[in-house]
C-alpha atoms as a PDB file:
ATOM      1  CA  MET A   1     -15.881  -5.748  -6.074  1.00  0.00           C
ATOM      2  CA  ASN A   2     -14.561  -2.192  -5.905  1.00  0.00           C
ATOM      3  CA  ALA A   3     -10.897  -0.806  -5.747  1.00  0.00           C
ATOM      4  CA  VAL A   4     -10.978  -1.087  -1.950  1.00  0.00           C
ATOM      5  CA  ALA A   5     -11.881  -4.728  -1.939  1.00  0.00           C
ATOM      6  CA  LEU A   6      -9.480  -5.565  -4.665  1.00  0.00           C
ATOM      7  CA  ALA A   7      -6.683  -3.958  -2.839  1.00  0.00           C
ATOM      8  CA  ALA A   8      -7.473  -6.306   0.035  1.00  0.00           C
ATOM      9  CA  ALA A   9      -7.728  -9.412  -2.315  1.00  0.00           C
ATOM     10  CA  ILE A  10      -4.215  -8.574  -3.588  1.00  0.00           C
ATOM     11  CA  ALA A  11      -2.844  -8.315  -0.129  1.00  0.00           C
ATOM     12  CA  GLY A  12      -4.461 -11.712   0.641  1.00  0.00           C
ATOM     13  CA  GLN A  13      -2.489 -13.194  -2.129  1.00  0.00           C
ATOM     14  CA  ILE A  14       0.894 -11.808  -0.970  1.00  0.00           C
ATOM     15  CA  TYR A  15       0.226 -12.454   2.839  1.00  0.00           C
ATOM     16  CA  ASP A  16      -1.194 -15.395   4.574  1.00  0.00           C
ATOM     17  CA  SER A  17      -3.490 -13.527   6.679  1.00  0.00           C
ATOM     18  CA  MET A  18      -4.512  -9.934   7.341  1.00  0.00           C
ATOM     19  CA  ALA A  19      -4.888 -10.683  11.006  1.00  0.00           C
ATOM     20  CA  GLU A  20      -2.589  -8.275  12.809  1.00  0.00           C
ATOM     21  CA  LEU A  21      -0.912  -7.284   9.646  1.00  0.00           C
ATOM     22  CA  PRO A  22       0.502  -3.638   9.965  1.00  0.00           C
ATOM     23  CA  VAL A  23      -0.888  -1.396   7.478  1.00  0.00           C
ATOM     24  CA  LEU A  24       0.164   2.417   7.208  1.00  0.00           C
ATOM     25  CA  PHE A  25      -2.118   4.978   5.508  1.00  0.00           C
ATOM     26  CA  VAL A  26      -0.123   7.994   4.428  1.00  0.00           C
ATOM     27  CA  GLY A  27      -1.983  11.110   3.406  1.00  0.00           C
ATOM     28  CA  ASN A  28      -5.600  12.231   3.561  1.00  0.00           C
ATOM     29  CA  ASP A  29      -7.939  11.437   0.724  1.00  0.00           C
ATOM     30  CA  GLU A  30     -11.641  10.682   0.379  1.00  0.00           C
ATOM     31  CA  LEU A  31     -10.714   7.010  -0.102  1.00  0.00           C
ATOM     32  CA  THR A  32      -8.427   6.818   3.143  1.00  0.00           C
ATOM     33  CA  GLU A  33     -11.412   5.928   5.606  1.00  0.00           C
ATOM     34  CA  GLN A  34     -12.775   3.448   3.088  1.00  0.00           C
ATOM     35  CA  PHE A  35      -9.411   1.614   2.709  1.00  0.00           C
ATOM     36  CA  ALA A  36      -8.619   1.699   6.395  1.00  0.00           C
ATOM     37  CA  GLY A  37     -12.089   0.550   7.316  1.00  0.00           C
ATOM     38  CA  HIS A  38     -11.885  -2.396   4.891  1.00  0.00           C
ATOM     39  CA  PHE A  39      -8.500  -3.423   6.165  1.00  0.00           C
ATOM     40  CA  ALA A  40      -9.402  -3.086   9.826  1.00  0.00           C
ATOM     41  CA  ALA A  41     -12.408  -5.198   9.352  1.00  0.00           C
ATOM     42  CA  ARG A  42     -10.179  -7.979   8.269  1.00  0.00           C
ATOM     43  CA  GLY A  43      -8.090  -7.801  11.386  1.00  0.00           C
ATOM     44  CA  ALA A  44      -5.166  -5.431  10.253  1.00  0.00           C
ATOM     45  CA  ARG A  45      -3.585  -3.244  12.559  1.00  0.00           C
ATOM     46  CA  VAL A  46      -4.283   0.194  10.982  1.00  0.00           C
ATOM     47  CA  ALA A  47      -2.006   3.246  11.563  1.00  0.00           C
ATOM     48  CA  PHE A  48      -2.147   6.749  10.055  1.00  0.00           C
ATOM     49  CA  ALA A  49       0.567   9.165   9.224  1.00  0.00           C
ATOM     50  CA  PRO A  50       0.429  12.762   8.103  1.00  0.00           C
ATOM     51  CA  PRO A  51       1.526  13.287   4.388  1.00  0.00           C
ATOM     52  CA  ASN A  52       5.139  14.341   5.224  1.00  0.00           C
ATOM     53  CA  ALA A  53       8.790  13.000   4.765  1.00  0.00           C
ATOM     54  CA  GLU A  54       8.635  11.717   8.460  1.00  0.00           C
ATOM     55  CA  ALA A  55       6.210   8.879   7.228  1.00  0.00           C
ATOM     56  CA  LEU A  56       8.893   7.522   5.168  1.00  0.00           C
ATOM     57  CA  GLY A  57      10.951   6.738   8.208  1.00  0.00           C
ATOM     58  CA  HIS A  58       8.277   4.144   9.257  1.00  0.00           C
ATOM     59  CA  LEU A  59       8.046   2.103   6.008  1.00  0.00           C
ATOM     60  CA  HIS A  60       9.932  -0.807   7.615  1.00  0.00           C
ATOM     61  CA  LYS A  61       7.302  -1.336  10.393  1.00  0.00           C
ATOM     62  CA  HIS A  62       4.556  -2.001   7.952  1.00  0.00           C
ATOM     63  CA  ASP A  63       3.722  -4.854   5.574  1.00  0.00           C
ATOM     64  CA  ILE A  64       1.443  -2.593   3.479  1.00  0.00           C
ATOM     65  CA  VAL A  65       1.710   1.183   2.897  1.00  0.00           C
ATOM     66  CA  ALA A  66      -1.183   2.923   1.353  1.00  0.00           C
ATOM     67  CA  CYS A  67      -0.363   6.373  -0.075  1.00  0.00           C
ATOM     68  CA  PHE A  68      -3.109   8.969  -0.776  1.00  0.00           C
ATOM     69  CA  GLY A  69      -3.267  12.607  -2.068  1.00  0.00           C
ATOM     70  CA  GLY A  70      -0.578  14.836  -0.856  1.00  0.00           C
ATOM     71  CA  ALA A  71       1.729  12.030   0.396  1.00  0.00           C
ATOM     72  CA  PRO A  72       5.499  12.498  -0.125  1.00  0.00           C
ATOM     73  CA  LEU A  73       7.054  10.645  -3.086  1.00  0.00           C
ATOM     74  CA  ILE A  74       8.485   7.289  -1.972  1.00  0.00           C
ATOM     75  CA  GLY A  75      11.856   6.812  -3.591  1.00  0.00           C
ATOM     76  CA  ARG A  76      13.967   3.813  -4.295  1.00  0.00           C
ATOM     77  CA  SER A  77      16.494   4.322  -1.454  1.00  0.00           C
ATOM     78  CA  ALA A  78      13.839   4.760   1.220  1.00  0.00           C
ATOM     79  CA  VAL A  79      12.192   1.424   0.207  1.00  0.00           C
ATOM     80  CA  ALA A  80      15.538  -0.291  -0.154  1.00  0.00           C
ATOM     81  CA  LYS A  81      16.484   0.798   3.294  1.00  0.00           C
ATOM     82  CA  ALA A  82      13.098  -0.370   4.740  1.00  0.00           C
ATOM     83  CA  LEU A  83      13.539  -3.691   2.913  1.00  0.00           C
ATOM     84  CA  ARG A  84      17.006  -4.230   4.637  1.00  0.00           C
ATOM     85  CA  ALA A  85      15.443  -3.482   8.077  1.00  0.00           C
ATOM     86  CA  ARG A  86      12.549  -5.900   7.188  1.00  0.00           C
ATOM     87  CA  LYS A  87      15.060  -8.652   6.269  1.00  0.00           C
ATOM     88  CA  ARG A  88      13.404  -8.740   2.831  1.00  0.00           C
ATOM     89  CA  ARG A  89       9.978  -9.510   3.921  1.00  0.00           C
ATOM     90  CA  PRO A  90       7.453  -8.579   1.212  1.00  0.00           C
ATOM     91  CA  LEU A  91       6.253  -4.951   1.239  1.00  0.00           C
ATOM     92  CA  LEU A  92       2.981  -3.868  -0.641  1.00  0.00           C
ATOM     93  CA  LEU A  93       2.673  -0.237  -1.787  1.00  0.00           C
ATOM     94  CA  LEU A  94      -0.581   1.047  -2.666  1.00  0.00           C
ATOM     95  CA  ASP A  95      -0.119   4.293  -4.684  1.00  0.00           C
ATOM     96  CA  LEU A  96      -3.711   5.664  -4.545  1.00  0.00           C
ATOM     97  CA  GLY A  97      -3.267   9.356  -4.980  1.00  0.00           C
ATOM     98  CA  ARG A  98      -4.242  11.120  -8.103  1.00  0.00           C
ATOM     99  CA  GLU A  99      -0.505  12.222  -8.422  1.00  0.00           C
ATOM    100  CA  PRO A 100       2.046   9.545  -8.197  1.00  0.00           C
ATOM    101  CA  ASN A 101       3.381   8.891  -4.540  1.00  0.00           C
ATOM    102  CA  VAL A 102       5.812   5.946  -5.467  1.00  0.00           C
ATOM    103  CA  ALA A 103       8.832   6.545  -7.698  1.00  0.00           C
ATOM    104  CA  PRO A 104       8.696   4.319 -10.986  1.00  0.00           C
ATOM    105  CA  ASP A 105      12.086   2.687 -10.078  1.00  0.00           C
ATOM    106  CA  VAL A 106      10.778   1.300  -6.923  1.00  0.00           C
ATOM    107  CA  GLU A 107       8.927  -1.338  -8.846  1.00  0.00           C
ATOM    108  CA  SER A 108      12.094  -2.986  -9.987  1.00  0.00           C
ATOM    109  CA  LEU A 109      13.084  -3.729  -6.480  1.00  0.00           C
ATOM    110  CA  GLU A 110      12.639  -7.432  -5.207  1.00  0.00           C
ATOM    111  CA  ASP A 111      10.138  -8.099  -2.550  1.00  0.00           C
ATOM    112  CA  VAL A 112       8.244  -4.997  -3.354  1.00  0.00           C
ATOM    113  CA  PHE A 113       4.745  -4.993  -4.975  1.00  0.00           C
ATOM    114  CA  VAL A 114       3.453  -1.660  -6.130  1.00  0.00           C
ATOM    115  CA  TYR A 115      -0.046  -1.202  -7.271  1.00  0.00           C
ATOM    116  CA  LYS A 116      -1.555   2.194  -8.467  1.00  0.00           C
ATOM    117  CA  LEU A 117      -5.132   3.010  -8.473  1.00  0.00           C
ATOM    118  CA  LYS A 118      -5.208   2.644 -12.180  1.00  0.00           C
ATOM    119  CA  ASP A 119      -3.761  -0.813 -11.956  1.00  0.00           C
ATOM    120  CA  LEU A 120      -6.708  -1.856  -9.421  1.00  0.00           C
ATOM    121  CA  GLN A 121      -9.150  -0.301 -11.908  1.00  0.00           C
ATOM    122  CA  ARG A 122      -7.585  -2.138 -14.875  1.00  0.00           C
ATOM    123  CA  LEU A 123      -7.708  -5.496 -12.878  1.00  0.00           C
ATOM    124  CA  PHE A 124     -11.221  -4.839 -12.117  1.00  0.00           C
ATOM    125  CA  ARG A 125     -12.244  -4.180 -15.561  1.00  0.00           C
ATOM    126  CA  ASP A 126     -10.084  -6.931 -17.392  1.00  0.00           C
ATOM    127  CA  ARG A 127     -10.529  -9.734 -14.725  1.00  0.00           C
ATOM    128  CA  PRO A 128     -14.155 -10.610 -14.121  1.00  0.00           C
ATOM    129  CA  HIS A 129     -13.223 -13.092 -11.285  1.00  0.00           C
ATOM    130  CA  PHE A 130     -12.059  -9.995  -9.215  1.00  0.00           C
ATOM    131  CA  ARG A 131     -15.605  -8.766  -9.331  1.00  0.00           C
END
């Protein structure tokens, strides 16, 4: 199982089903199409946003936000605002760029799950049942 499939498996542990689950892909990286295709094949509603600050205004509309290279830094205040609008429904943030796209203090918020590419790689390496 590669990082793409592992991210989908993690989403499956957080949400009952990926059918109709809104997923936002922010930025453009060589992995963007792989991840989007994998989630779309499982029934998720996939949307794309350019890597700019405007994308942060759409966090509340999506259950999963995947950030790739060149995406703006997602800060604690933007995520807290999105959580209030979401009525505390869980939010999965996949920080998949080479440079960080999610501020470290976001991880301490309740109802937010942050996975970086290195986290996915470590899970794949350290947990054989994910393979």
